[in-house]
C-alpha atoms as a PDB file:
ATOM      1  CA  UNK A   1       3.803  -3.685  -9.325  1.00  0.00           C
ATOM      2  CA  UNK A   2       5.169  -0.392 -10.271  1.00  0.00           C
ATOM      3  CA  UNK A   3       8.883   1.139 -10.165  1.00  0.00           C
ATOM      4  CA  UNK A   4       9.304   4.885 -10.590  1.00  0.00           C
ATOM      5  CA  UNK A   5      12.971   5.882 -10.442  1.00  0.00           C
ATOM      6  CA  UNK A   6      13.297   9.602 -11.331  1.00  0.00           C
ATOM      7  CA  UNK A   7      17.198   9.142 -11.304  1.00  0.00           C
ATOM      8  CA  UNK A   8      18.898   6.076 -12.252  1.00  0.00           C
ATOM      9  CA  UNK A   9      22.328   7.719 -11.026  1.00  0.00           C
ATOM     10  CA  UNK A  10      20.968   8.194  -7.488  1.00  0.00           C
ATOM     11  CA  UNK A  11      24.054   6.703  -5.308  1.00  0.00           C
ATOM     12  CA  UNK A  12      24.283   6.178  -1.726  1.00  0.00           C
ATOM     13  CA  UNK A  13      27.055   4.908   0.346  1.00  0.00           C
ATOM     14  CA  UNK A  14      25.438   1.709   2.169  1.00  0.00           C
ATOM     15  CA  UNK A  15      25.868  -1.768   2.849  1.00  0.00           C
ATOM     16  CA  UNK A  16      24.289  -3.532  -0.468  1.00  0.00           C
ATOM     17  CA  UNK A  17      23.480  -6.418   1.474  1.00  0.00           C
ATOM     18  CA  UNK A  18      21.918  -4.766   4.437  1.00  0.00           C
ATOM     19  CA  UNK A  19      19.848  -2.255   2.337  1.00  0.00           C
ATOM     20  CA  UNK A  20      18.629  -4.964   0.120  1.00  0.00           C
ATOM     21  CA  UNK A  21      17.386  -6.967   3.129  1.00  0.00           C
ATOM     22  CA  UNK A  22      15.680  -3.904   4.423  1.00  0.00           C
ATOM     23  CA  UNK A  23      14.059  -3.281   1.048  1.00  0.00           C
ATOM     24  CA  UNK A  24      13.035  -7.024   0.997  1.00  0.00           C
ATOM     25  CA  UNK A  25      11.261  -6.784   4.199  1.00  0.00           C
ATOM     26  CA  UNK A  26       9.317  -3.758   3.282  1.00  0.00           C
ATOM     27  CA  UNK A  27       8.073  -5.516   0.051  1.00  0.00           C
ATOM     28  CA  UNK A  28       7.271  -8.657   1.974  1.00  0.00           C
ATOM     29  CA  UNK A  29       5.277  -6.639   4.354  1.00  0.00           C
ATOM     30  CA  UNK A  30       3.598  -4.831   1.703  1.00  0.00           C
ATOM     31  CA  UNK A  31       2.613  -8.273  -0.270  1.00  0.00           C
ATOM     32  CA  UNK A  32       1.313  -9.767   3.189  1.00  0.00           C
ATOM     33  CA  UNK A  33      -0.987  -6.432   3.411  1.00  0.00           C
ATOM     34  CA  UNK A  34      -2.645  -7.199   0.132  1.00  0.00           C
ATOM     35  CA  UNK A  35      -3.836 -10.817   0.287  1.00  0.00           C
ATOM     36  CA  UNK A  36      -6.396 -10.053  -2.308  1.00  0.00           C
ATOM     37  CA  UNK A  37      -3.772  -8.420  -4.628  1.00  0.00           C
ATOM     38  CA  UNK A  38      -3.193  -4.720  -5.062  1.00  0.00           C
ATOM     39  CA  UNK A  39      -0.337  -2.514  -6.269  1.00  0.00           C
ATOM     40  CA  UNK A  40       3.064  -2.333  -4.979  1.00  0.00           C
ATOM     41  CA  UNK A  41       5.083   0.779  -5.730  1.00  0.00           C
ATOM     42  CA  UNK A  42       8.738   1.366  -5.599  1.00  0.00           C
ATOM     43  CA  UNK A  43      10.276   4.798  -6.068  1.00  0.00           C
ATOM     44  CA  UNK A  44      13.272   6.584  -5.586  1.00  0.00           C
ATOM     45  CA  UNK A  45      14.332  10.254  -6.022  1.00  0.00           C
ATOM     46  CA  UNK A  46      16.782  12.777  -4.934  1.00  0.00           C
ATOM     47  CA  UNK A  47      15.603  15.049  -2.075  1.00  0.00           C
ATOM     48  CA  UNK A  48      17.432  18.392  -0.971  1.00  0.00           C
ATOM     49  CA  UNK A  49      17.064  19.205   2.613  1.00  0.00           C
ATOM     50  CA  UNK A  50      17.939  22.924   3.592  1.00  0.00           C
ATOM     51  CA  UNK A  51      17.389  22.992   7.130  1.00  0.00           C
ATOM     52  CA  UNK A  52      17.557  20.566   9.893  1.00  0.00           C
ATOM     53  CA  UNK A  53      14.666  18.154   9.362  1.00  0.00           C
ATOM     54  CA  UNK A  54      12.678  16.362  12.101  1.00  0.00           C
ATOM     55  CA  UNK A  55      11.533  12.948  10.763  1.00  0.00           C
ATOM     56  CA  UNK A  56       8.745  10.708  11.984  1.00  0.00           C
ATOM     57  CA  UNK A  57      11.118   8.335  13.743  1.00  0.00           C
ATOM     58  CA  UNK A  58      12.321  11.019  16.000  1.00  0.00           C
ATOM     59  CA  UNK A  59      15.444  11.782  14.455  1.00  0.00           C
ATOM     60  CA  UNK A  60      16.644  14.768  12.526  1.00  0.00           C
ATOM     61  CA  UNK A  61      18.518  15.107   9.105  1.00  0.00           C
ATOM     62  CA  UNK A  62      21.039  17.638   8.542  1.00  0.00           C
ATOM     63  CA  UNK A  63      20.802  19.791   5.488  1.00  0.00           C
ATOM     64  CA  UNK A  64      22.115  18.070   2.353  1.00  0.00           C
ATOM     65  CA  UNK A  65      21.510  15.706  -0.597  1.00  0.00           C
ATOM     66  CA  UNK A  66      19.787  12.603   0.140  1.00  0.00           C
ATOM     67  CA  UNK A  67      17.940   9.570  -1.725  1.00  0.00           C
ATOM     68  CA  UNK A  68      14.318   9.013  -0.787  1.00  0.00           C
ATOM     69  CA  UNK A  69      13.303   5.420  -1.430  1.00  0.00           C
ATOM     70  CA  UNK A  70       9.506   4.790  -0.828  1.00  0.00           C
ATOM     71  CA  UNK A  71       7.500   1.287  -0.747  1.00  0.00           C
ATOM     72  CA  UNK A  72       3.963   1.772  -0.617  1.00  0.00           C
ATOM     73  CA  UNK A  73       1.062  -0.535  -1.306  1.00  0.00           C
ATOM     74  CA  UNK A  74      -2.678  -0.477  -1.698  1.00  0.00           C
ATOM     75  CA  UNK A  75      -3.165  -2.753   1.209  1.00  0.00           C
ATOM     76  CA  UNK A  76      -5.092  -2.665   4.492  1.00  0.00           C
ATOM     77  CA  UNK A  77      -2.975   0.123   5.824  1.00  0.00           C
ATOM     78  CA  UNK A  78      -1.783   0.503   9.454  1.00  0.00           C
ATOM     79  CA  UNK A  79      -4.474   1.514  12.076  1.00  0.00           C
ATOM     80  CA  UNK A  80      -3.682   4.590  13.821  1.00  0.00           C
ATOM     81  CA  UNK A  81      -3.596   3.047  17.391  1.00  0.00           C
ATOM     82  CA  UNK A  82      -0.708   1.065  16.466  1.00  0.00           C
ATOM     83  CA  UNK A  83       1.329   3.615  14.253  1.00  0.00           C
ATOM     84  CA  UNK A  84       3.798   4.288  17.205  1.00  0.00           C
ATOM     85  CA  UNK A  85       4.469   0.662  17.714  1.00  0.00           C
ATOM     86  CA  UNK A  86       5.245  -0.650  14.381  1.00  0.00           C
ATOM     87  CA  UNK A  87       9.096  -0.344  14.496  1.00  0.00           C
ATOM     88  CA  UNK A  88       9.158  -1.571  18.133  1.00  0.00           C
ATOM     89  CA  UNK A  89      11.092  -4.653  18.259  1.00  0.00           C
ATOM     90  CA  UNK A  90       8.813  -8.037  18.721  1.00  0.00           C
ATOM     91  CA  UNK A  91       5.799  -5.972  17.701  1.00  0.00           C
ATOM     92  CA  UNK A  92       3.661  -7.574  15.212  1.00  0.00           C
ATOM     93  CA  UNK A  93       0.052  -8.097  13.899  1.00  0.00           C
ATOM     94  CA  UNK A  94       0.820 -11.319  12.277  1.00  0.00           C
ATOM     95  CA  UNK A  95      -0.607 -14.593  13.813  1.00  0.00           C
ATOM     96  CA  UNK A  96       1.797 -16.545  15.647  1.00  0.00           C
ATOM     97  CA  UNK A  97       4.284 -18.230  13.592  1.00  0.00           C
ATOM     98  CA  UNK A  98       3.913 -15.924  10.754  1.00  0.00           C
ATOM     99  CA  UNK A  99       5.908 -12.903  11.978  1.00  0.00           C
ATOM    100  CA  UNK A 100       8.779 -12.368  14.579  1.00  0.00           C
ATOM    101  CA  UNK A 101       8.031  -8.551  14.861  1.00  0.00           C
ATOM    102  CA  UNK A 102      11.573  -7.967  14.026  1.00  0.00           C
ATOM    103  CA  UNK A 103      11.490  -6.924  10.424  1.00  0.00           C
ATOM    104  CA  UNK A 104      10.779  -3.347  10.733  1.00  0.00           C
ATOM    105  CA  UNK A 105      12.968  -2.721  13.789  1.00  0.00           C
ATOM    106  CA  UNK A 106      15.577  -4.466  11.770  1.00  0.00           C
ATOM    107  CA  UNK A 107      15.001  -1.916   9.053  1.00  0.00           C
ATOM    108  CA  UNK A 108      14.835   0.947  11.108  1.00  0.00           C
ATOM    109  CA  UNK A 109      18.102   0.136  12.781  1.00  0.00           C
ATOM    110  CA  UNK A 110      20.000  -0.693   9.118  1.00  0.00           C
ATOM    111  CA  UNK A 111      18.720   2.674   7.905  1.00  0.00           C
ATOM    112  CA  UNK A 112      19.740   4.653  11.047  1.00  0.00           C
ATOM    113  CA  UNK A 113      23.271   2.940  10.886  1.00  0.00           C
ATOM    114  CA  UNK A 114      23.620   4.377   7.253  1.00  0.00           C
ATOM    115  CA  UNK A 115      22.714   8.003   8.574  1.00  0.00           C
ATOM    116  CA  UNK A 116      19.193   7.914   7.229  1.00  0.00           C
ATOM    117  CA  UNK A 117      15.745   7.628   8.590  1.00  0.00           C
ATOM    118  CA  UNK A 118      12.771   5.581   8.061  1.00  0.00           C
ATOM    119  CA  UNK A 119       9.071   6.909   8.421  1.00  0.00           C
ATOM    120  CA  UNK A 120       5.608   6.009   7.487  1.00  0.00           C
ATOM    121  CA  UNK A 121       3.433   7.966   5.481  1.00  0.00           C
ATOM    122  CA  UNK A 122      -0.125   7.973   4.218  1.00  0.00           C
ATOM    123  CA  UNK A 123      -1.219   5.103   6.369  1.00  0.00           C
ATOM    124  CA  UNK A 124      -4.876   4.755   5.511  1.00  0.00           C
ATOM    125  CA  UNK A 125      -7.408   2.045   4.992  1.00  0.00           C
ATOM    126  CA  UNK A 126      -6.597   0.990   1.445  1.00  0.00           C
ATOM    127  CA  UNK A 127      -2.723   1.406   1.598  1.00  0.00           C
ATOM    128  CA  UNK A 128       0.251   2.388   3.627  1.00  0.00           C
ATOM    129  CA  UNK A 129       3.909   3.634   2.686  1.00  0.00           C
ATOM    130  CA  UNK A 130       7.312   3.633   4.164  1.00  0.00           C
ATOM    131  CA  UNK A 131       9.748   6.389   3.062  1.00  0.00           C
ATOM    132  CA  UNK A 132      13.522   5.555   3.536  1.00  0.00           C
ATOM    133  CA  UNK A 133      15.992   8.825   3.430  1.00  0.00           C
ATOM    134  CA  UNK A 134      19.567   8.084   2.964  1.00  0.00           C
ATOM    135  CA  UNK A 135      22.471  10.535   2.713  1.00  0.00           C
ATOM    136  CA  UNK A 136      23.795  10.717  -0.905  1.00  0.00           C
ATOM    137  CA  UNK A 137      27.583   9.451  -1.375  1.00  0.00           C
ATOM    138  CA  UNK A 138      30.058  12.254  -1.716  1.00  0.00           C
ATOM    139  CA  UNK A 139      30.416  11.389  -5.554  1.00  0.00           C
ATOM    140  CA  UNK A 140      26.658  11.800  -6.243  1.00  0.00           C
ATOM    141  CA  UNK A 141      26.144  14.907  -4.297  1.00  0.00           C
ATOM    142  CA  UNK A 142      29.422  16.615  -5.683  1.00  0.00           C
END
C-alpha cells in the first residue's frame, strides 16, 4: 500500500461521506483485482487546466484548479474489450453474488455531481488506475 500526497493542503468542496464511499469502492475493486497480492497506490496532487479539457468519460472540464486523485493497482487490469462498459450500471465481471455492477457507476455519479470527472488510465495486464478530477474549493484556489 503506497500513499503519495503531493499537497496535504489540497481542498475540494465535496460531501465527505460520498467522496469516501467512492474512494472505498475504488480501493475494494483494486484489492479484488489482486487476489494474489500486489501494490495499491493512492495519490493526490493539484492540477491546472488552461483550456477546456475532454475527459475519458465524455465530459469536459473548464479551465481552473483541480485536485487529481488516483487509485491504481498491480492487479489483472481491465481488458480493452470491456473498457467502455466499466461505468455502466449493472455491468460487472465478478461472479454472481460477488458484485452488483453498481460500484463504478455510483462513483461516476458522485464525482460528476461534484463537478468533476473520473477516467481509467494505464489499464494493462498487470494493473489499472482510476483518476478522479475534482474542482478545488474557492479557498484552496485563491
